[in-house]
Amino acid sequence: TRLVNNVLDFSRMERGEKTYNLARLDLSQTLKDVLDAQYPRLAGEGFAVEWIAPDGECSMKVDRDALEQILLNLLDNVVKYAAEGKFIEVRVISSQGEVSFEVADHGPGIPTEQRERVFDTFHRVDDSLTASQPGCGLGLGIARKLVEGMGGIISCEKNEPRGTRFRIVFPRVSNL
């Protein structure tokens, strides 16, 4: 179902027909709700899940459905490609000028030269790990389009001590 929804959303975005229902919401609570709904699946796959968020409300204007799809696509990538690490961290960060969240894992990581390309439509890192997993390379491309459609930026970084960290940043000024 998620693949079909991703393809339909991708098609709308490519045609410039994607609309966003921006509403003020608490980023921390919204992400926590999605993570809680996914917890049985993640725990069933053997993942330890760490949630880190600041105290208090972390308000911003964002499309709840798009935000949920972004997080689900990132979580799906961890389950597919970082399963050996068995760890997921979701962190919300709030500062004066921006609100962000990160999804990190302790998997094998993404080579430096591939970190920008993973957002290209239909691109998959060419190695034995991706070859053995189903997928068509849409998830991260859709995540980028959704993030940018709401005025944010998504990046892929090396996680310490190992793995990958996806960071999604929304400027606070344009959202409130």
Protein backbone atom coordinates (compact mmCIF):
# COMPACT_ATOMS: atom_id res chain seq x y z
CA THR A 1 0.00 0.00 0.00
CA ARG A 2 2.79 2.40 0.89
CA LEU A 3 4.48 1.73 -2.47
CA VAL A 4 1.25 2.51 -4.35
CA ASN A 5 0.76 5.69 -2.30
CA ASN A 6 4.38 6.68 -2.95
CA VAL A 7 3.94 6.20 -6.71
CA LEU A 8 0.69 8.21 -6.72
CA ASP A 9 2.25 11.01 -4.66
CA PHE A 10 5.34 10.99 -6.86
CA SER A 11 3.13 11.34 -9.94
CA ARG A 12 1.26 14.31 -8.41
CA MET A 13 4.53 16.00 -7.42
CA GLU A 14 6.03 15.50 -10.88
CA ARG A 15 2.96 17.13 -12.45
CA GLY A 16 3.05 19.99 -9.93
CA GLU A 17 -0.36 18.97 -8.58
CA LYS A 18 0.63 18.11 -5.01
CA THR A 19 -1.14 20.32 -2.51
CA TYR A 20 -0.16 20.69 1.13
CA ASN A 21 -2.60 21.10 3.97
CA LEU A 22 -0.37 23.20 6.20
CA ALA A 23 -1.57 23.45 9.78
CA ARG A 24 0.04 24.40 13.06
CA LEU A 25 1.00 21.31 15.01
CA ASP A 26 3.47 20.07 17.58
CA LEU A 27 6.28 18.42 15.61
CA SER A 28 7.40 16.31 18.57
CA GLN A 29 3.94 14.96 19.34
CA THR A 30 3.14 14.26 15.69
CA LEU A 31 6.37 12.33 15.11
CA LYS A 32 5.96 10.49 18.42
CA ASP A 33 2.44 9.40 17.40
CA VAL A 34 3.75 7.97 14.11
CA LEU A 35 6.69 6.30 15.86
CA ASP A 36 4.39 4.79 18.51
CA ALA A 37 2.15 3.35 15.76
CA GLN A 38 5.21 1.81 14.08
CA TYR A 39 6.79 0.52 17.28
CA PRO A 40 5.24 -2.99 17.19
CA ARG A 41 6.59 -3.52 13.66
CA LEU A 42 10.03 -2.13 14.53
CA ALA A 43 10.27 -4.13 17.76
CA GLY A 44 9.09 -7.22 15.89
CA GLU A 45 12.03 -6.74 13.51
CA GLY A 46 14.34 -6.61 16.55
CA PHE A 47 15.04 -2.86 16.56
CA ALA A 48 15.76 -0.85 19.68
CA VAL A 49 14.08 2.52 19.23
CA GLU A 50 15.34 5.66 20.96
CA TRP A 51 13.15 8.79 21.07
CA ILE A 52 14.77 12.12 21.98
CA ALA A 53 12.79 15.37 22.05
CA PRO A 54 12.93 18.67 23.91
CA ASP A 55 10.49 19.35 26.72
CA GLY A 56 7.55 21.51 25.78
CA GLU A 57 5.74 22.13 22.55
CA CYS A 58 7.63 22.34 19.28
CA SER A 59 5.06 24.12 17.10
CA MET A 60 5.34 24.69 13.40
CA LYS A 61 3.22 24.77 10.25
CA VAL A 62 3.44 21.55 8.28
CA ASP A 63 1.28 19.03 6.44
CA ARG A 64 0.67 16.17 8.87
CA ASP A 65 0.19 13.52 6.15
CA ALA A 66 3.35 14.60 4.32
CA LEU A 67 5.31 14.59 7.58
CA GLU A 68 4.04 11.08 8.35
CA GLN A 69 5.01 9.87 4.88
CA ILE A 70 8.51 11.32 5.27
CA LEU A 71 9.06 9.56 8.59
CA LEU A 72 7.59 6.27 7.32
CA ASN A 73 9.86 6.32 4.25
CA LEU A 74 12.90 6.94 6.46
CA LEU A 75 11.92 4.18 8.89
CA ASP A 76 11.32 1.78 6.00
CA ASN A 77 14.84 2.48 4.72
CA VAL A 78 16.32 1.66 8.11
CA VAL A 79 14.40 -1.62 8.28
CA LYS A 80 15.48 -2.58 4.75
CA TYR A 81 19.10 -1.46 4.69
CA ALA A 82 20.30 -1.08 8.27
CA ALA A 83 18.73 -4.14 9.87
CA GLU A 84 22.10 -5.47 11.01
CA GLY A 85 22.47 -2.48 13.36
CA LYS A 86 19.08 -3.09 15.05
CA PHE A 87 18.93 0.54 16.25
CA ILE A 88 16.81 3.54 15.30
CA GLU A 89 17.07 6.97 16.84
CA VAL A 90 14.48 9.66 16.17
CA ARG A 91 15.47 13.06 17.55
CA VAL A 92 13.64 16.40 17.49
CA ILE A 93 15.72 19.55 17.79
CA SER A 94 14.29 23.03 18.34
CA SER A 95 16.33 26.20 18.18
CA GLN A 96 15.64 29.89 17.74
CA GLY A 97 15.77 29.79 13.95
CA GLU A 98 14.74 26.26 13.00
CA VAL A 99 12.96 23.07 13.93
CA SER A 100 14.43 19.78 12.80
CA PHE A 101 14.28 16.07 13.27
CA GLU A 102 16.74 13.29 12.59
CA VAL A 103 16.42 9.59 11.92
CA ALA A 104 19.64 7.67 12.56
CA ASP A 105 20.68 4.03 12.46
CA HIS A 106 23.71 1.85 13.21
CA GLY A 107 23.68 0.00 9.89
CA PRO A 108 26.49 -0.18 7.33
CA GLY A 109 26.07 3.47 6.29
CA ILE A 110 25.94 5.09 2.89
CA PRO A 111 29.21 5.83 1.07
CA THR A 112 30.08 9.53 0.99
CA GLU A 113 29.81 9.74 -2.80
CA GLN A 114 26.27 8.30 -2.66
CA ARG A 115 24.80 10.50 0.11
CA GLU A 116 23.37 13.13 -2.22
CA ARG A 117 22.40 10.68 -4.96
CA VAL A 118 20.17 8.60 -2.65
CA PHE A 119 17.54 11.32 -3.10
CA ASP A 120 17.52 10.92 -6.89
CA THR A 121 14.40 9.25 -8.21
CA PHE A 122 14.87 5.53 -8.83
CA HIS A 123 18.47 5.64 -7.52
CA ARG A 124 19.60 2.80 -5.30
CA VAL A 125 23.08 2.35 -3.92
CA ASP A 126 24.58 -0.40 -6.05
CA ASP A 127 25.75 -3.07 -3.67
CA SER A 128 24.80 -6.48 -2.36
CA LEU A 129 22.72 -4.96 0.44
CA THR A 130 20.31 -3.11 -1.86
CA ALA A 131 20.30 -5.91 -4.43
CA SER A 132 18.82 -8.28 -1.87
CA GLN A 133 16.06 -5.88 -0.77
CA PRO A 134 12.84 -5.03 -2.60
CA GLY A 135 12.32 -1.43 -3.64
CA CYS A 136 12.39 0.88 -6.59
CA GLY A 137 14.28 3.91 -5.29
CA LEU A 138 11.30 6.22 -4.78
CA GLY A 139 11.11 6.60 -0.99
CA LEU A 140 13.94 9.06 -0.39
CA GLY A 141 13.17 11.01 -3.58
CA ILE A 142 9.60 11.45 -2.41
CA ALA A 143 10.78 12.39 1.07
CA ARG A 144 12.95 15.13 -0.43
CA LYS A 145 10.14 16.48 -2.60
CA LEU A 146 7.75 16.53 0.38
CA VAL A 147 10.28 18.24 2.65
CA GLU A 148 11.13 20.86 0.02
CA GLY A 149 7.43 21.34 -0.80
CA MET A 150 6.94 22.45 2.81
CA GLY A 151 9.98 24.77 2.74
CA GLY A 152 12.48 22.43 4.40
CA ILE A 153 15.79 20.77 3.61
CA ILE A 154 16.72 17.09 3.96
CA SER A 155 20.27 15.79 4.10
CA CYS A 156 22.05 12.49 4.53
CA GLU A 157 25.06 12.34 6.84
CA LYS A 158 27.38 9.81 8.42
CA ASN A 159 26.16 8.76 11.85
CA GLU A 160 28.57 8.25 14.71
CA PRO A 161 29.76 5.70 15.67
CA ARG A 162 28.37 4.08 12.51
CA GLY A 163 25.42 4.14 10.17
CA THR A 164 23.43 6.90 8.53
CA ARG A 165 21.64 9.99 9.81
CA PHE A 166 18.92 11.78 7.85
CA ARG A 167 18.32 15.36 8.99
CA ILE A 168 15.18 17.31 8.08
CA VAL A 169 15.24 21.04 8.83
CA PHE A 170 12.38 23.52 8.65
CA PRO A 171 13.06 27.23 9.17
CA ARG A 172 11.01 28.46 12.10
CA VAL A 173 10.42 31.91 10.61
CA SER A 174 8.57 30.68 7.52
CA ASN A 175 6.43 28.21 9.44
CA LEU A 176 4.84 30.35 12.16
